[in-house]
PDB file of N, CA and C in Angstrom:
ATOM      1  N   UNK A   1    -115.923  67.706 -13.164  1.00  0.00           N
ATOM      2  CA  UNK A   1    -115.189  67.942 -11.994  1.00  0.00           C
ATOM      3  C   UNK A   1    -115.511  69.316 -11.742  1.00  0.00           C
ATOM      4  N   UNK A   2    -115.658  69.676 -10.667  1.00  0.00           N
ATOM      5  CA  UNK A   2    -115.769  71.178  -9.717  1.00  0.00           C
ATOM      6  C   UNK A   2    -114.396  71.507  -9.162  1.00  0.00           C
ATOM      7  N   UNK A   3    -113.878  72.942  -9.515  1.00  0.00           N
ATOM      8  CA  UNK A   3    -112.853  73.278  -9.127  1.00  0.00           C
ATOM      9  C   UNK A   3    -112.949  74.654  -8.559  1.00  0.00           C
ATOM     10  N   UNK A   4    -112.774  74.834  -7.437  1.00  0.00           N
ATOM     11  CA  UNK A   4    -112.966  76.262  -6.740  1.00  0.00           C
ATOM     12  C   UNK A   4    -111.761  76.542  -5.898  1.00  0.00           C
ATOM     13  N   UNK A   5    -111.307  77.878  -6.154  1.00  0.00           N
ATOM     14  CA  UNK A   5    -110.135  78.179  -5.557  1.00  0.00           C
ATOM     15  C   UNK A   5    -110.344  78.567  -4.204  1.00  0.00           C
ATOM     16  N   UNK A   6    -109.395  78.522  -3.079  1.00  0.00           N
ATOM     17  CA  UNK A   6    -109.921  78.621  -1.535  1.00  0.00           C
ATOM     18  C   UNK A   6    -110.377  79.990  -1.356  1.00  0.00           C
ATOM     19  N   UNK A   7    -110.899  80.119  -0.327  1.00  0.00           N
ATOM     20  CA  UNK A   7    -111.389  81.474   0.142  1.00  0.00           C
ATOM     21  C   UNK A   7    -110.204  82.274   0.730  1.00  0.00           C
ATOM     22  N   UNK A   8    -110.191  83.395   0.033  1.00  0.00           N
ATOM     23  CA  UNK A   8    -109.109  84.198   1.060  1.00  0.00           C
ATOM     24  C   UNK A   8    -109.151  84.294   2.439  1.00  0.00           C
ATOM     25  N   UNK A   9    -108.171  83.979   3.151  1.00  0.00           N
ATOM     26  CA  UNK A   9    -108.268  83.865   4.648  1.00  0.00           C
ATOM     27  C   UNK A   9    -107.212  84.470   5.366  1.00  0.00           C
ATOM     28  N   UNK A  10    -106.989  85.109   6.567  1.00  0.00           N
ATOM     29  CA  UNK A  10    -105.854  85.427   7.326  1.00  0.00           C
ATOM     30  C   UNK A  10    -104.976  84.194   7.536  1.00  0.00           C
ATOM     31  N   UNK A  11    -103.706  84.647   7.774  1.00  0.00           N
ATOM     32  CA  UNK A  11    -102.855  83.755   8.287  1.00  0.00           C
ATOM     33  C   UNK A  11    -103.174  83.023   9.588  1.00  0.00           C
ATOM     34  N   UNK A  12    -103.622  83.497  10.499  1.00  0.00           N
ATOM     35  CA  UNK A  12    -104.221  82.640  11.683  1.00  0.00           C
ATOM     36  C   UNK A  12    -105.106  81.562  11.591  1.00  0.00           C
ATOM     37  N   UNK A  13    -106.130  82.172  10.588  1.00  0.00           N
ATOM     38  CA  UNK A  13    -107.331  81.283  10.139  1.00  0.00           C
ATOM     39  C   UNK A  13    -106.694  80.083   9.438  1.00  0.00           C
ATOM     40  N   UNK A  14    -105.867  80.199   8.498  1.00  0.00           N
ATOM     41  CA  UNK A  14    -105.287  79.349   7.452  1.00  0.00           C
ATOM     42  C   UNK A  14    -104.613  78.327   8.549  1.00  0.00           C
ATOM     43  N   UNK A  15    -103.854  78.942   9.441  1.00  0.00           N
ATOM     44  CA  UNK A  15    -103.075  77.566  10.447  1.00  0.00           C
ATOM     45  C   UNK A  15    -104.044  76.887  11.066  1.00  0.00           C
ATOM     46  N   UNK A  16    -105.197  77.402  11.457  1.00  0.00           N
ATOM     47  CA  UNK A  16    -106.239  76.653  12.342  1.00  0.00           C
ATOM     48  C   UNK A  16    -106.699  75.550  11.441  1.00  0.00           C
ATOM     49  N   UNK A  17    -106.720  75.874  10.132  1.00  0.00           N
ATOM     50  CA  UNK A  17    -107.511  74.883   9.287  1.00  0.00           C
ATOM     51  C   UNK A  17    -106.306  74.063   9.105  1.00  0.00           C
ATOM     52  N   UNK A  18    -105.193  74.393   8.721  1.00  0.00           N
ATOM     53  CA  UNK A  18    -104.244  73.118   8.610  1.00  0.00           C
ATOM     54  C   UNK A  18    -104.042  72.277   9.694  1.00  0.00           C
ATOM     55  N   UNK A  19    -104.165  73.086  11.047  1.00  0.00           N
ATOM     56  CA  UNK A  19    -103.935  72.043  12.176  1.00  0.00           C
ATOM     57  C   UNK A  19    -105.140  71.004  12.406  1.00  0.00           C
ATOM     58  N   UNK A  20    -106.437  71.393  11.943  1.00  0.00           N
ATOM     59  CA  UNK A  20    -107.717  70.665  12.029  1.00  0.00           C
ATOM     60  C   UNK A  20    -107.530  69.435  11.088  1.00  0.00           C
ATOM     61  N   UNK A  21    -107.015  69.736   9.771  1.00  0.00           N
ATOM     62  CA  UNK A  21    -106.851  69.042   8.876  1.00  0.00           C
ATOM     63  C   UNK A  21    -105.574  67.800   8.975  1.00  0.00           C
ATOM     64  N   UNK A  22    -104.594  68.106   9.584  1.00  0.00           N
ATOM     65  CA  UNK A  22    -103.562  67.347   9.989  1.00  0.00           C
ATOM     66  C   UNK A  22    -104.155  66.397  11.221  1.00  0.00           C
ATOM     67  N   UNK A  23    -104.901  66.931  12.004  1.00  0.00           N
ATOM     68  CA  UNK A  23    -105.601  66.169  13.152  1.00  0.00           C
ATOM     69  C   UNK A  23    -106.621  65.033  12.614  1.00  0.00           C
ATOM     70  N   UNK A  24    -107.309  65.260  11.504  1.00  0.00           N
ATOM     71  CA  UNK A  24    -108.035  64.427  10.553  1.00  0.00           C
ATOM     72  C   UNK A  24    -107.466  63.601  10.061  1.00  0.00           C
ATOM     73  N   UNK A  25    -106.133  63.657   9.559  1.00  0.00           N
ATOM     74  CA  UNK A  25    -105.357  62.951   8.574  1.00  0.00           C
ATOM     75  C   UNK A  25    -104.630  61.733   9.702  1.00  0.00           C
ATOM     76  N   UNK A  26    -104.175  62.686  10.847  1.00  0.00           N
ATOM     77  CA  UNK A  26    -103.576  61.545  12.081  1.00  0.00           C
ATOM     78  C   UNK A  26    -104.540  60.604  12.294  1.00  0.00           C
ATOM     79  N   UNK A  27    -105.970  60.772  12.518  1.00  0.00           N
ATOM     80  CA  UNK A  27    -106.918  59.991  12.956  1.00  0.00           C
ATOM     81  C   UNK A  27    -107.690  58.998  11.943  1.00  0.00           C
ATOM     82  N   UNK A  28    -107.087  59.093  10.705  1.00  0.00           N
ATOM     83  CA  UNK A  28    -107.213  58.433   9.360  1.00  0.00           C
ATOM     84  C   UNK A  28    -108.759  58.471   9.216  1.00  0.00           C
ATOM     85  N   UNK A  29    -109.489  59.937   9.436  1.00  0.00           N
ATOM     86  CA  UNK A  29    -110.799  60.362   9.306  1.00  0.00           C
ATOM     87  C   UNK A  29    -111.024  61.004   7.517  1.00  0.00           C
ATOM     88  N   UNK A  30    -109.761  61.350   7.168  1.00  0.00           N
ATOM     89  CA  UNK A  30    -109.490  61.735   5.783  1.00  0.00           C
ATOM     90  C   UNK A  30    -108.082  61.165   5.269  1.00  0.00           C
ATOM     91  N   UNK A  31    -107.813  61.078   4.093  1.00  0.00           N
ATOM     92  CA  UNK A  31    -106.765  60.960   3.420  1.00  0.00           C
ATOM     93  C   UNK A  31    -106.221  61.987   2.438  1.00  0.00           C
ATOM     94  N   UNK A  32    -105.029  61.627   2.219  1.00  0.00           N
ATOM     95  CA  UNK A  32    -104.411  62.684   1.049  1.00  0.00           C
ATOM     96  C   UNK A  32    -104.767  61.882  -0.254  1.00  0.00           C
ATOM     97  N   UNK A  33    -105.047  62.611  -1.477  1.00  0.00           N
ATOM     98  CA  UNK A  33    -105.269  61.863  -2.551  1.00  0.00           C
ATOM     99  C   UNK A  33    -104.212  62.299  -3.382  1.00  0.00           C
ATOM    100  N   UNK A  34    -104.078  61.158  -4.682  1.00  0.00           N
ATOM    101  CA  UNK A  34    -102.913  61.273  -5.583  1.00  0.00           C
ATOM    102  C   UNK A  34    -103.090  62.452  -6.414  1.00  0.00           C
ATOM    103  N   UNK A  35    -102.240  62.873  -7.306  1.00  0.00           N
ATOM    104  CA  UNK A  35    -102.500  64.066  -8.339  1.00  0.00           C
ATOM    105  C   UNK A  35    -103.358  63.481  -9.527  1.00  0.00           C
ATOM    106  N   UNK A  36    -103.170  62.144  -9.557  1.00  0.00           N
ATOM    107  CA  UNK A  36    -104.082  61.344 -11.053  1.00  0.00           C
ATOM    108  C   UNK A  36    -105.462  61.140 -10.575  1.00  0.00           C
ATOM    109  N   UNK A  37    -105.871  61.275  -9.326  1.00  0.00           N
ATOM    110  CA  UNK A  37    -107.260  60.753  -8.766  1.00  0.00           C
ATOM    111  C   UNK A  37    -108.166  62.058  -9.131  1.00  0.00           C
ATOM    112  N   UNK A  38    -109.331  61.732  -9.719  1.00  0.00           N
ATOM    113  CA  UNK A  38    -110.220  62.440  -9.813  1.00  0.00           C
ATOM    114  C   UNK A  38    -111.442  62.489  -8.632  1.00  0.00           C
ATOM    115  N   UNK A  39    -111.624  63.517  -8.025  1.00  0.00           N
ATOM    116  CA  UNK A  39    -112.567  63.333  -6.982  1.00  0.00           C
ATOM    117  C   UNK A  39    -113.166  64.895  -7.059  1.00  0.00           C
ATOM    118  N   UNK A  40    -114.276  64.838  -6.015  1.00  0.00           N
ATOM    119  CA  UNK A  40    -115.072  65.986  -6.102  1.00  0.00           C
ATOM    120  C   UNK A  40    -114.339  66.770  -4.618  1.00  0.00           C
ATOM    121  N   UNK A  41    -113.692  68.025  -4.771  1.00  0.00           N
ATOM    122  CA  UNK A  41    -113.364  68.465  -3.637  1.00  0.00           C
ATOM    123  C   UNK A  41    -114.068  69.780  -3.063  1.00  0.00           C
ATOM    124  N   UNK A  42    -114.278  69.990  -1.875  1.00  0.00           N
ATOM    125  CA  UNK A  42    -114.980  70.989  -1.213  1.00  0.00           C
ATOM    126  C   UNK A  42    -113.971  72.029  -0.688  1.00  0.00           C
ATOM    127  N   UNK A  43    -114.242  73.174  -0.578  1.00  0.00           N
ATOM    128  CA  UNK A  43    -113.516  74.292   0.034  1.00  0.00           C
ATOM    129  C   UNK A  43    -113.625  74.202   1.453  1.00  0.00           C
ATOM    130  N   UNK A  44    -112.610  73.837   2.020  1.00  0.00           N
ATOM    131  CA  UNK A  44    -112.369  74.299   3.953  1.00  0.00           C
ATOM    132  C   UNK A  44    -113.020  75.615   4.349  1.00  0.00           C
ATOM    133  N   UNK A  45    -114.031  75.588   5.186  1.00  0.00           N
ATOM    134  CA  UNK A  45    -114.210  76.713   6.057  1.00  0.00           C
ATOM    135  C   UNK A  45    -114.048  76.630   7.063  1.00  0.00           C
ATOM    136  N   UNK A  46    -113.623  77.642   8.125  1.00  0.00           N
ATOM    137  CA  UNK A  46    -113.290  77.624   9.438  1.00  0.00           C
ATOM    138  C   UNK A  46    -114.657  78.561  10.204  1.00  0.00           C
ATOM    139  N   UNK A  47    -115.482  77.811  10.916  1.00  0.00           N
ATOM    140  CA  UNK A  47    -116.532  78.690  11.678  1.00  0.00           C
ATOM    141  C   UNK A  47    -115.980  78.794  13.104  1.00  0.00           C
ATOM    142  N   UNK A  48    -116.114  80.013  13.493  1.00  0.00           N
ATOM    143  CA  UNK A  48    -115.907  80.160  14.785  1.00  0.00           C
ATOM    144  C   UNK A  48    -117.050  80.684  15.591  1.00  0.00           C
ATOM    145  N   UNK A  49    -117.407  79.874  16.751  1.00  0.00           N
ATOM    146  CA  UNK A  49    -118.461  80.260  17.660  1.00  0.00           C
ATOM    147  C   UNK A  49    -118.462  81.442  18.642  1.00  0.00           C
ATOM    148  N   UNK A  50    -119.261  81.899  19.049  1.00  0.00           N
ATOM    149  CA  UNK A  50    -119.189  83.091  19.943  1.00  0.00           C
ATOM    150  C   UNK A  50    -118.463  82.769  21.060  1.00  0.00           C
ATOM    151  N   UNK A  51    -118.359  81.313  21.443  1.00  0.00           N
ATOM    152  CA  UNK A  51    -117.616  81.042  22.702  1.00  0.00           C
ATOM    153  C   UNK A  51    -115.905  80.983  22.292  1.00  0.00           C
ATOM    154  N   UNK A  52    -115.514  80.994  21.272  1.00  0.00           N
ATOM    155  CA  UNK A  52    -114.303  81.178  20.776  1.00  0.00           C
ATOM    156  C   UNK A  52    -113.549  79.938  20.245  1.00  0.00           C
ATOM    157  N   UNK A  53    -114.414  78.827  20.343  1.00  0.00           N
ATOM    158  CA  UNK A  53    -114.122  77.443  19.604  1.00  0.00           C
ATOM    159  C   UNK A  53    -114.430  77.512  18.049  1.00  0.00           C
ATOM    160  N   UNK A  54    -113.641  76.855  17.649  1.00  0.00           N
ATOM    161  CA  UNK A  54    -113.951  76.727  16.082  1.00  0.00           C
ATOM    162  C   UNK A  54    -114.037  75.281  15.474  1.00  0.00           C
ATOM    163  N   UNK A  55    -114.771  75.329  14.455  1.00  0.00           N
ATOM    164  CA  UNK A  55    -115.150  73.817  13.812  1.00  0.00           C
ATOM    165  C   UNK A  55    -114.615  74.086  12.221  1.00  0.00           C
ATOM    166  N   UNK A  56    -114.091  72.930  11.719  1.00  0.00           N
ATOM    167  CA  UNK A  56    -113.710  72.860  10.296  1.00  0.00           C
ATOM    168  C   UNK A  56    -115.020  72.417   9.557  1.00  0.00           C
ATOM    169  N   UNK A  57    -115.868  72.798   8.645  1.00  0.00           N
ATOM    170  CA  UNK A  57    -116.794  72.643   7.758  1.00  0.00           C
ATOM    171  C   UNK A  57    -116.304  72.630   6.372  1.00  0.00           C
ATOM    172  N   UNK A  58    -116.889  72.383   5.527  1.00  0.00           N
ATOM    173  CA  UNK A  58    -116.709  72.324   4.055  1.00  0.00           C
ATOM    174  C   UNK A  58    -117.863  72.906   3.278  1.00  0.00           C
ATOM    175  N   UNK A  59    -117.642  73.666   2.191  1.00  0.00           N
ATOM    176  CA  UNK A  59    -118.749  74.227   1.519  1.00  0.00           C
ATOM    177  C   UNK A  59    -118.946  73.674   0.430  1.00  0.00           C
ATOM    178  N   UNK A  60    -119.987  72.625   0.340  1.00  0.00           N
ATOM    179  CA  UNK A  60    -120.503  71.885  -0.507  1.00  0.00           C
ATOM    180  C   UNK A  60    -121.551  72.463  -1.334  1.00  0.00           C
ATOM    181  N   UNK A  61    -121.907  73.707  -1.427  1.00  0.00           N
ATOM    182  CA  UNK A  61    -122.612  74.255  -2.348  1.00  0.00           C
ATOM    183  C   UNK A  61    -122.551  73.973  -3.857  1.00  0.00           C
ATOM    184  N   UNK A  62    -121.420  73.975  -4.343  1.00  0.00           N
ATOM    185  CA  UNK A  62    -120.906  73.786  -5.694  1.00  0.00           C
ATOM    186  C   UNK A  62    -121.790  72.375  -6.142  1.00  0.00           C
ATOM    187  N   UNK A  63    -121.444  71.309  -5.230  1.00  0.00           N
ATOM    188  CA  UNK A  63    -122.030  69.985  -5.577  1.00  0.00           C
ATOM    189  C   UNK A  63    -123.434  69.951  -5.927  1.00  0.00           C
ATOM    190  N   UNK A  64    -124.161  70.757  -5.126  1.00  0.00           N
ATOM    191  CA  UNK A  64    -125.955  70.750  -5.357  1.00  0.00           C
ATOM    192  C   UNK A  64    -126.251  71.161  -6.894  1.00  0.00           C
ATOM    193  N   UNK A  65    -125.243  71.507  -7.633  1.00  0.00           N
ATOM    194  CA  UNK A  65    -125.388  71.825  -9.198  1.00  0.00           C
ATOM    195  C   UNK A  65    -125.495  70.500  -9.954  1.00  0.00           C
ATOM    196  N   UNK A  66    -124.805  69.547  -9.362  1.00  0.00           N
ATOM    197  CA  UNK A  66    -124.670  68.129  -9.828  1.00  0.00           C
ATOM    198  C   UNK A  66    -125.747  67.418 -10.206  1.00  0.00           C
ATOM    199  N   UNK A  67    -126.544  67.580  -9.270  1.00  0.00           N
ATOM    200  CA  UNK A  67    -127.681  66.756  -9.068  1.00  0.00           C
ATOM    201  C   UNK A  67    -128.826  67.121  -9.792  1.00  0.00           C
TER     202      UNK A  67
END
C-alpha cells in the first residue's frame, strides 16, 4: 500500500477540495471507506484554470511504481 501525506495547501484551497469531494459523495461518484479497508489512495489536487474555474484531480504518479 502507498501512503502519501497530503500536499500543503492554503485554507481556501482546502475548502474548495472538501466542497468538491462532498459533491462527489452526494452524487455517489465516490464513497467513504472504512478504517479497515485496504485501498490505493491518491492525493487530491485542485487545478485552477486561467478563467478562475477549478477542477479536482488526483495525483496518481505514485501508482506508476507498482506496475
